[in-house]
C-alpha atoms as a PDB file:
ATOM      1  CA  MET A   1       0.130  -0.067  -0.056  1.00  0.00           C
ATOM      2  CA  PRO A   2       1.301   3.523  -0.577  1.00  0.00           C
ATOM      3  CA  ALA A   3       3.010   5.136   2.283  1.00  0.00           C
ATOM      4  CA  PRO A   4       1.145   7.970   4.026  1.00  0.00           C
ATOM      5  CA  VAL A   5       2.429  11.438   3.089  1.00  0.00           C
ATOM      6  CA  ILE A   6       2.430  15.056   3.718  1.00  0.00           C
ATOM      7  CA  LEU A   7       1.345  17.135   0.513  1.00  0.00           C
ATOM      8  CA  HIS A   8       2.344  20.718   1.177  1.00  0.00           C
ATOM      9  CA  GLY A   9       1.138  23.654  -0.838  1.00  0.00           C
ATOM     10  CA  ARG A  10       0.888  27.381  -0.614  1.00  0.00           C
ATOM     11  CA  ILE A  11      -2.459  27.845   0.314  1.00  0.00           C
ATOM     12  CA  VAL A  12      -3.357  24.357   1.990  1.00  0.00           C
ATOM     13  CA  ARG A  13      -1.260  21.360   3.356  1.00  0.00           C
ATOM     14  CA  LEU A  14      -2.629  17.682   3.021  1.00  0.00           C
ATOM     15  CA  GLU A  15      -2.239  16.182   6.359  1.00  0.00           C
ATOM     16  CA  PRO A  16      -2.830  12.096   6.934  1.00  0.00           C
ATOM     17  CA  LEU A  17      -5.841  11.931   8.636  1.00  0.00           C
ATOM     18  CA  ALA A  18      -5.275  11.358  12.421  1.00  0.00           C
ATOM     19  CA  PRO A  19      -7.181  11.470  15.777  1.00  0.00           C
ATOM     20  CA  HIS A  20      -5.858  14.956  16.330  1.00  0.00           C
ATOM     21  CA  HIS A  21      -7.465  16.304  13.578  1.00  0.00           C
ATOM     22  CA  VAL A  22     -11.197  15.368  15.391  1.00  0.00           C
ATOM     23  CA  PRO A  23     -11.763  18.750  16.916  1.00  0.00           C
ATOM     24  CA  GLY A  24     -10.895  20.539  13.350  1.00  0.00           C
ATOM     25  CA  LEU A  25     -13.139  18.032  11.373  1.00  0.00           C
ATOM     26  CA  VAL A  26     -16.184  18.865  14.017  1.00  0.00           C
ATOM     27  CA  ALA A  27     -15.925  22.891  13.975  1.00  0.00           C
ATOM     28  CA  ALA A  28     -15.034  22.566   9.859  1.00  0.00           C
ATOM     29  CA  ALA A  29     -18.449  20.233   9.844  1.00  0.00           C
ATOM     30  CA  ALA A  30     -20.486  22.505  12.098  1.00  0.00           C
ATOM     31  CA  ALA A  31     -21.879  24.661   9.221  1.00  0.00           C
ATOM     32  CA  LEU A  32     -22.774  21.811   6.927  1.00  0.00           C
ATOM     33  CA  GLY A  33     -26.158  20.474   7.188  1.00  0.00           C
ATOM     34  CA  PRO A  34     -26.722  16.606   8.068  1.00  0.00           C
ATOM     35  CA  ALA A  35     -27.995  15.936   4.750  1.00  0.00           C
ATOM     36  CA  GLY A  36     -25.644  15.923   1.489  1.00  0.00           C
ATOM     37  CA  PHE A  37     -24.001  14.292  -1.104  1.00  0.00           C
ATOM     38  CA  THR A  38     -20.934  13.078   0.859  1.00  0.00           C
ATOM     39  CA  ILE A  39     -20.204  11.377   4.262  1.00  0.00           C
ATOM     40  CA  VAL A  40     -19.309  14.488   6.633  1.00  0.00           C
ATOM     41  CA  PRO A  41     -18.897  13.848  10.255  1.00  0.00           C
ATOM     42  CA  HIS A  42     -20.696  16.002  12.601  1.00  0.00           C
ATOM     43  CA  GLY A  43     -20.024  15.882  16.301  1.00  0.00           C
ATOM     44  CA  GLU A  44     -17.233  14.361  18.197  1.00  0.00           C
ATOM     45  CA  GLN A  45     -17.886  10.483  18.205  1.00  0.00           C
ATOM     46  CA  GLU A  46     -18.842  10.703  14.412  1.00  0.00           C
ATOM     47  CA  ALA A  47     -15.720  12.680  13.668  1.00  0.00           C
ATOM     48  CA  ARG A  48     -13.716   9.960  16.074  1.00  0.00           C
ATOM     49  CA  THR A  49     -15.340   7.018  13.806  1.00  0.00           C
ATOM     50  CA  TYR A  50     -14.894   8.791  10.375  1.00  0.00           C
ATOM     51  CA  VAL A  51     -10.532   9.026  11.387  1.00  0.00           C
ATOM     52  CA  PHE A  52     -10.597   5.103  12.894  1.00  0.00           C
ATOM     53  CA  GLN A  53     -12.574   3.811   9.633  1.00  0.00           C
ATOM     54  CA  ALA A  54     -10.404   5.736   7.456  1.00  0.00           C
ATOM     55  CA  GLU A  55      -7.166   4.576   9.493  1.00  0.00           C
ATOM     56  CA  ALA A  56      -8.381   0.974   9.158  1.00  0.00           C
ATOM     57  CA  ALA A  57      -8.973   1.154   5.110  1.00  0.00           C
ATOM     58  CA  GLN A  58      -5.318   2.550   4.998  1.00  0.00           C
ATOM     59  CA  LEU A  59      -4.100  -0.216   6.847  1.00  0.00           C
ATOM     60  CA  ALA A  60      -6.160  -2.623   4.472  1.00  0.00           C
ATOM     61  CA  GLY A  61      -4.362  -0.854   1.478  1.00  0.00           C
ATOM     62  CA  THR A  62      -7.586   0.620   0.142  1.00  0.00           C
ATOM     63  CA  VAL A  63      -7.730   4.323   1.062  1.00  0.00           C
ATOM     64  CA  LEU A  64      -5.266   7.045   1.578  1.00  0.00           C
ATOM     65  CA  ALA A  65      -7.157  10.060   3.706  1.00  0.00           C
ATOM     66  CA  PHE A  66      -6.024  13.303   4.283  1.00  0.00           C
ATOM     67  CA  ALA A  67      -7.302  16.702   6.344  1.00  0.00           C
ATOM     68  CA  ILE A  68      -7.171  19.937   4.566  1.00  0.00           C
ATOM     69  CA  VAL A  69      -5.504  22.230   6.680  1.00  0.00           C
ATOM     70  CA  THR A  70      -4.800  26.058   5.540  1.00  0.00           C
ATOM     71  CA  VAL A  71      -1.230  27.102   5.618  1.00  0.00           C
ATOM     72  CA  ASP A  72      -1.747  30.515   7.030  1.00  0.00           C
ATOM     73  CA  GLU A  73      -4.390  29.971   9.495  1.00  0.00           C
ATOM     74  CA  GLU A  74      -3.366  26.035  10.675  1.00  0.00           C
ATOM     75  CA  CYS A  75      -7.474  25.628  10.256  1.00  0.00           C
ATOM     76  CA  VAL A  76      -8.733  22.179   9.414  1.00  0.00           C
ATOM     77  CA  VAL A  77     -11.204  22.743   6.552  1.00  0.00           C
ATOM     78  CA  GLY A  78     -12.448  19.514   5.320  1.00  0.00           C
ATOM     79  CA  ALA A  79     -11.084  16.319   4.167  1.00  0.00           C
ATOM     80  CA  THR A  80     -10.176  14.492   1.187  1.00  0.00           C
ATOM     81  CA  ARG A  81      -8.711  10.613   0.136  1.00  0.00           C
ATOM     82  CA  PHE A  82      -7.247   8.513  -2.549  1.00  0.00           C
ATOM     83  CA  THR A  83      -9.342   5.348  -2.869  1.00  0.00           C
ATOM     84  CA  ARG A  84     -10.284   2.789  -4.678  1.00  0.00           C
ATOM     85  CA  LEU A  85      -6.757   1.978  -5.732  1.00  0.00           C
ATOM     86  CA  ASP A  86      -6.365  -0.622  -8.503  1.00  0.00           C
ATOM     87  CA  TYR A  87      -3.211  -2.841  -8.868  1.00  0.00           C
ATOM     88  CA  TRP A  88      -3.029  -3.827 -12.342  1.00  0.00           C
ATOM     89  CA  GLN A  89      -1.375  -7.504 -13.228  1.00  0.00           C
ATOM     90  CA  GLY A  90       1.547  -6.629 -16.017  1.00  0.00           C
ATOM     91  CA  PRO A  91       3.128  -6.826 -18.534  1.00  0.00           C
ATOM     92  CA  LEU A  92       1.388 -10.043 -19.057  1.00  0.00           C
ATOM     93  CA  SER A  93       3.517 -13.110 -19.844  1.00  0.00           C
ATOM     94  CA  TRP A  94       3.009 -16.450 -21.075  1.00  0.00           C
ATOM     95  CA  PRO A  95       1.714 -18.676 -19.677  1.00  0.00           C
ATOM     96  CA  LEU A  96      -0.681 -16.859 -17.559  1.00  0.00           C
ATOM     97  CA  SER A  97      -0.011 -17.192 -13.777  1.00  0.00           C
ATOM     98  CA  ALA A  98      -3.244 -19.035 -11.911  1.00  0.00           C
ATOM     99  CA  GLU A  99      -2.001 -17.453  -8.737  1.00  0.00           C
ATOM    100  CA  PRO A 100      -3.590 -14.331  -7.285  1.00  0.00           C
ATOM    101  CA  VAL A 101      -1.664 -11.678  -5.724  1.00  0.00           C
ATOM    102  CA  THR A 102      -3.110 -11.460  -2.137  1.00  0.00           C
ATOM    103  CA  VAL A 103      -0.715  -9.597  -0.276  1.00  0.00           C
ATOM    104  CA  LEU A 104       0.931  -6.308  -1.624  1.00  0.00           C
ATOM    105  CA  PRO A 105       4.386  -5.341  -0.320  1.00  0.00           C
ATOM    106  CA  GLY A 106       4.794  -2.516   1.987  1.00  0.00           C
ATOM    107  CA  GLY A 107       4.851   1.075  -0.259  1.00  0.00           C
ATOM    108  CA  ALA A 108       3.456  -0.661  -3.486  1.00  0.00           C
ATOM    109  CA  ILE A 109       2.236   1.923  -5.853  1.00  0.00           C
ATOM    110  CA  PRO A 110      -0.939   1.813  -7.657  1.00  0.00           C
ATOM    111  CA  ASP A 111      -1.732   1.858 -11.475  1.00  0.00           C
ATOM    112  CA  ALA A 112      -4.904   3.823 -10.988  1.00  0.00           C
ATOM    113  CA  VAL A 113      -6.579   5.487  -8.302  1.00  0.00           C
ATOM    114  CA  GLU A 114      -9.767   7.690  -7.336  1.00  0.00           C
ATOM    115  CA  ILE A 115      -9.989  10.985  -5.421  1.00  0.00           C
ATOM    116  CA  GLY A 116     -12.988  11.181  -3.931  1.00  0.00           C
ATOM    117  CA  ASN A 117     -14.987  11.972  -0.311  1.00  0.00           C
ATOM    118  CA  THR A 118     -14.047  15.342  -0.538  1.00  0.00           C
ATOM    119  CA  TRP A 119     -16.006  17.610   1.612  1.00  0.00           C
ATOM    120  CA  LEU A 120     -15.199  21.532   2.927  1.00  0.00           C
ATOM    121  CA  THR A 121     -16.427  23.916   5.058  1.00  0.00           C
ATOM    122  CA  PRO A 122     -18.701  26.478   3.279  1.00  0.00           C
ATOM    123  CA  ALA A 123     -16.412  29.181   3.805  1.00  0.00           C
ATOM    124  CA  VAL A 124     -13.963  27.768   1.323  1.00  0.00           C
ATOM    125  CA  ARG A 125     -15.901  26.244  -1.247  1.00  0.00           C
ATOM    126  CA  GLY A 126     -15.588  26.991  -4.709  1.00  0.00           C
ATOM    127  CA  GLY A 127     -12.418  28.904  -4.465  1.00  0.00           C
ATOM    128  CA  LEU A 128      -8.147  28.320  -4.137  1.00  0.00           C
ATOM    129  CA  VAL A 129      -8.404  25.115  -1.519  1.00  0.00           C
ATOM    130  CA  ASN A 130     -10.168  22.673  -3.669  1.00  0.00           C
ATOM    131  CA  LEU A 131      -7.988  24.032  -6.438  1.00  0.00           C
ATOM    132  CA  GLU A 132      -4.728  23.567  -4.702  1.00  0.00           C
ATOM    133  CA  ALA A 133      -5.688  20.416  -2.967  1.00  0.00           C
ATOM    134  CA  LYS A 134      -6.457  19.115  -6.348  1.00  0.00           C
ATOM    135  CA  LEU A 135      -3.204  19.872  -8.070  1.00  0.00           C
ATOM    136  CA  LEU A 136      -1.785  18.016  -4.925  1.00  0.00           C
ATOM    137  CA  MET A 137      -3.153  15.266  -5.211  1.00  0.00           C
ATOM    138  CA  LEU A 138      -3.020  14.846  -8.837  1.00  0.00           C
ATOM    139  CA  THR A 139       0.589  15.807  -8.827  1.00  0.00           C
ATOM    140  CA  HIS A 140       1.502  13.127  -6.394  1.00  0.00           C
ATOM    141  CA  ALA A 141      -0.787  10.778  -8.299  1.00  0.00           C
ATOM    142  CA  PHE A 142       0.720  11.139 -11.795  1.00  0.00           C
ATOM    143  CA  ASP A 143       4.257  12.397 -11.051  1.00  0.00           C
ATOM    144  CA  GLY A 144       4.552  10.542  -7.632  1.00  0.00           C
ATOM    145  CA  TRP A 145       3.427   7.255  -8.099  1.00  0.00           C
ATOM    146  CA  GLY A 146       2.942   7.051 -12.305  1.00  0.00           C
ATOM    147  CA  VAL A 147      -0.562   6.278 -12.143  1.00  0.00           C
ATOM    148  CA  ARG A 148      -2.097   5.801 -15.541  1.00  0.00           C
ATOM    149  CA  ARG A 149      -5.649   7.096 -14.438  1.00  0.00           C
ATOM    150  CA  VAL A 150      -7.068   9.197 -11.937  1.00  0.00           C
ATOM    151  CA  THR A 151     -10.928   8.813 -11.729  1.00  0.00           C
ATOM    152  CA  LEU A 152     -13.593  11.481 -10.106  1.00  0.00           C
ATOM    153  CA  ARG A 153     -17.080  10.883  -9.458  1.00  0.00           C
ATOM    154  CA  ALA A 154     -20.158  12.848  -8.221  1.00  0.00           C
ATOM    155  CA  ASP A 155     -23.940  12.092  -7.450  1.00  0.00           C
ATOM    156  CA  ALA A 156     -25.131  12.923 -10.700  1.00  0.00           C
ATOM    157  CA  ARG A 157     -27.729  15.665  -8.926  1.00  0.00           C
ATOM    158  CA  ASN A 158     -24.655  17.167  -7.358  1.00  0.00           C
ATOM    159  CA  LEU A 159     -24.066  20.124 -10.256  1.00  0.00           C
ATOM    160  CA  ARG A 160     -21.498  22.095  -8.113  1.00  0.00           C
ATOM    161  CA  SER A 161     -19.140  19.128  -7.552  1.00  0.00           C
ATOM    162  CA  ARG A 162     -19.724  18.025 -11.462  1.00  0.00           C
ATOM    163  CA  ALA A 163     -18.877  21.673 -12.368  1.00  0.00           C
ATOM    164  CA  ALA A 164     -15.679  21.878 -10.027  1.00  0.00           C
ATOM    165  CA  ILE A 165     -14.165  18.400 -11.294  1.00  0.00           C
ATOM    166  CA  GLU A 166     -15.017  19.777 -15.028  1.00  0.00           C
ATOM    167  CA  ARG A 167     -13.110  23.009 -14.746  1.00  0.00           C
ATOM    168  CA  LEU A 168     -10.251  20.546 -13.903  1.00  0.00           C
ATOM    169  CA  GLY A 169     -10.174  19.550 -17.487  1.00  0.00           C
ATOM    170  CA  ALA A 170     -11.223  15.865 -16.655  1.00  0.00           C
ATOM    171  CA  VAL A 171     -13.088  14.382 -19.165  1.00  0.00           C
ATOM    172  CA  SER A 172     -16.630  12.734 -18.676  1.00  0.00           C
ATOM    173  CA  ASP A 173     -16.975   8.642 -18.954  1.00  0.00           C
ATOM    174  CA  GLY A 174     -20.903   8.838 -18.839  1.00  0.00           C
ATOM    175  CA  VAL A 175     -23.432   8.684 -16.244  1.00  0.00           C
ATOM    176  CA  ARG A 176     -23.970   5.184 -14.540  1.00  0.00           C
ATOM    177  CA  ARG A 177     -27.775   4.950 -14.042  1.00  0.00           C
ATOM    178  CA  ALA A 178     -29.255   3.762 -10.795  1.00  0.00           C
ATOM    179  CA  HIS A 179     -25.284   3.148  -9.385  1.00  0.00           C
ATOM    180  CA  SER A 180     -25.933   3.080  -5.650  1.00  0.00           C
ATOM    181  CA  ARG A 181     -27.905   4.445  -3.186  1.00  0.00           C
ATOM    182  CA  GLY A 182     -27.297   7.979  -1.864  1.00  0.00           C
ATOM    183  CA  LEU A 183     -26.911   9.131   1.746  1.00  0.00           C
ATOM    184  CA  ASP A 184     -30.750  10.734   1.329  1.00  0.00           C
ATOM    185  CA  GLY A 185     -31.956   6.958   1.011  1.00  0.00           C
ATOM    186  CA  ALA A 186     -32.571   7.603  -3.110  1.00  0.00           C
ATOM    187  CA  VAL A 187     -31.061   5.286  -5.382  1.00  0.00           C
ATOM    188  CA  ARG A 188     -28.890   7.540  -7.369  1.00  0.00           C
ATOM    189  CA  ASP A 189     -27.197   7.885 -10.755  1.00  0.00           C
ATOM    190  CA  THR A 190     -23.153   8.505 -10.679  1.00  0.00           C
ATOM    191  CA  ALA A 191     -21.102  10.987 -12.970  1.00  0.00           C
ATOM    192  CA  PHE A 192     -17.972   9.554 -13.724  1.00  0.00           C
ATOM    193  CA  TYR A 193     -14.956  11.641 -14.984  1.00  0.00           C
ATOM    194  CA  SER A 194     -11.043  10.550 -15.749  1.00  0.00           C
ATOM    195  CA  ILE A 195      -7.895  12.015 -16.145  1.00  0.00           C
ATOM    196  CA  LEU A 196      -5.343   9.681 -18.054  1.00  0.00           C
ATOM    197  CA  GLN A 197      -1.473  10.244 -17.845  1.00  0.00           C
ATOM    198  CA  ASP A 198      -0.940  11.372 -21.415  1.00  0.00           C
ATOM    199  CA  GLU A 199      -4.017  14.330 -20.440  1.00  0.00           C
ATOM    200  CA  TRP A 200      -2.051  15.188 -17.057  1.00  0.00           C
ATOM    201  CA  PRO A 201       0.155  17.879 -18.347  1.00  0.00           C
ATOM    202  CA  GLY A 202      -2.573  20.061 -19.839  1.00  0.00           C
ATOM    203  CA  VAL A 203      -4.568  19.590 -16.729  1.00  0.00           C
ATOM    204  CA  ARG A 204      -1.594  20.895 -14.686  1.00  0.00           C
ATOM    205  CA  LEU A 205      -1.230  23.936 -16.873  1.00  0.00           C
ATOM    206  CA  ARG A 206      -5.151  24.547 -16.691  1.00  0.00           C
ATOM    207  CA  ILE A 207      -5.162  24.149 -12.721  1.00  0.00           C
ATOM    208  CA  THR A 208      -2.328  26.360 -12.535  1.00  0.00           C
ATOM    209  CA  GLU A 209      -3.500  29.081 -14.961  1.00  0.00           C
ATOM    210  CA  GLN A 210      -6.590  29.017 -12.620  1.00  0.00           C
ATOM    211  CA  LEU A 211      -4.793  29.460  -9.454  1.00  0.00           C
ATOM    212  CA  ALA A 212      -3.001  32.238 -11.022  1.00  0.00           C
ATOM    213  CA  ALA A 213      -5.759  34.209 -12.058  1.00  0.00           C
ATOM    214  CA  ARG A 214      -7.735  33.611  -8.802  1.00  0.00           C
ATOM    215  CA  ALA A 215      -4.678  34.759  -6.709  1.00  0.00           C
ATOM    216  CA  ALA A 216      -4.213  37.763  -8.566  1.00  0.00           C
ATOM    217  CA  MET A 217      -7.957  39.070  -7.947  1.00  0.00           C
ATOM    218  CA  PRO A 218      -8.184  40.917  -4.785  1.00  0.00           C
ATOM    219  CA  ARG A 219      -9.992  38.757  -1.885  1.00  0.00           C
ATOM    220  CA  ALA A 220     -10.651  38.622   1.937  1.00  0.00           C
ATOM    221  CA  PRO A 221      -8.937  36.407   4.044  1.00  0.00           C
ATOM    222  CA  LEU A 222      -9.539  32.867   3.183  1.00  0.00           C
ATOM    223  CA  ILE A 223     -12.009  32.028   5.779  1.00  0.00           C
ATOM    224  CA  PRO A 224     -13.220  35.110   7.341  1.00  0.00           C
ATOM    225  CA  ALA A 225     -16.132  33.901   9.451  1.00  0.00           C
ATOM    226  CA  THR A 226     -14.104  30.634  10.967  1.00  0.00           C
ATOM    227  CA  ALA A 227     -10.711  31.751  11.111  1.00  0.00           C
ATOM    228  CA  GLU A 228     -10.757  32.303  14.848  1.00  0.00           C
ATOM    229  CA  SER A 229     -13.087  29.179  15.785  1.00  0.00           C
ATOM    230  CA  LEU A 230     -10.935  27.009  13.799  1.00  0.00           C
ATOM    231  CA  ARG A 231      -7.247  28.180  14.118  1.00  0.00           C
ATOM    232  CA  PRO A 232      -6.847  26.640  17.910  1.00  0.00           C
ATOM    233  CA  LEU A 233      -7.861  23.092  16.497  1.00  0.00           C
ATOM    234  CA  ALA A 234      -5.532  22.366  13.888  1.00  0.00           C
ATOM    235  CA  SER A 235      -2.165  20.590  14.837  1.00  0.00           C
ATOM    236  CA  PRO A 236       0.901  22.368  13.118  1.00  0.00           C
ATOM    237  CA  ILE A 237       3.113  20.256  11.830  1.00  0.00           C
ATOM    238  CA  GLY A 238       6.775  20.689  13.932  1.00  0.00           C
END
């Protein structure tokens, strides 16, 4: 399984999700309603369970989860993760082996991966935080691991998330009808998107240009409404 890593940006830092993030997650989620398209932990007990399950999935090699922390304010403002890590069998040789690979060596890297389960406190939505977080994760996936494909998905009804994915330059792979049960109990359609290895340079340029354009615009403090309440809850990296 991939080793945990801290991804450093100018605006945000992605830290491996851990128990010390629980207070920050609680504060970041407080402004969000109970129902939505992504699982968000409300209250301390849910946040502790959220972190525990993420750590267990990481040990199983299926997830690499992060807390999203602002650099200037040291505030936890949300979470995201690599999930559905896919290890391909190849290059193929003949005769084909009938023995399945059941144990992956420590530090094994995936051939394809999905970025998902992302949520942000409302004060930072639609801005620099999500853009840079995605740039950090895509850079790690393509340039660090050398993956062939990154998948992103969204509930087909979640127009905000779909628009954000499309702004990255991801290509639509279509909508899978009646794909799964949504958090609201309804049977949901799921919109799938992907970025391939040879598309990554163009996507990276696109995101970098968007970040530069937004950074050049006058703006208020990143999280004016919540900075004071969140600041003490993020543990800085020593």
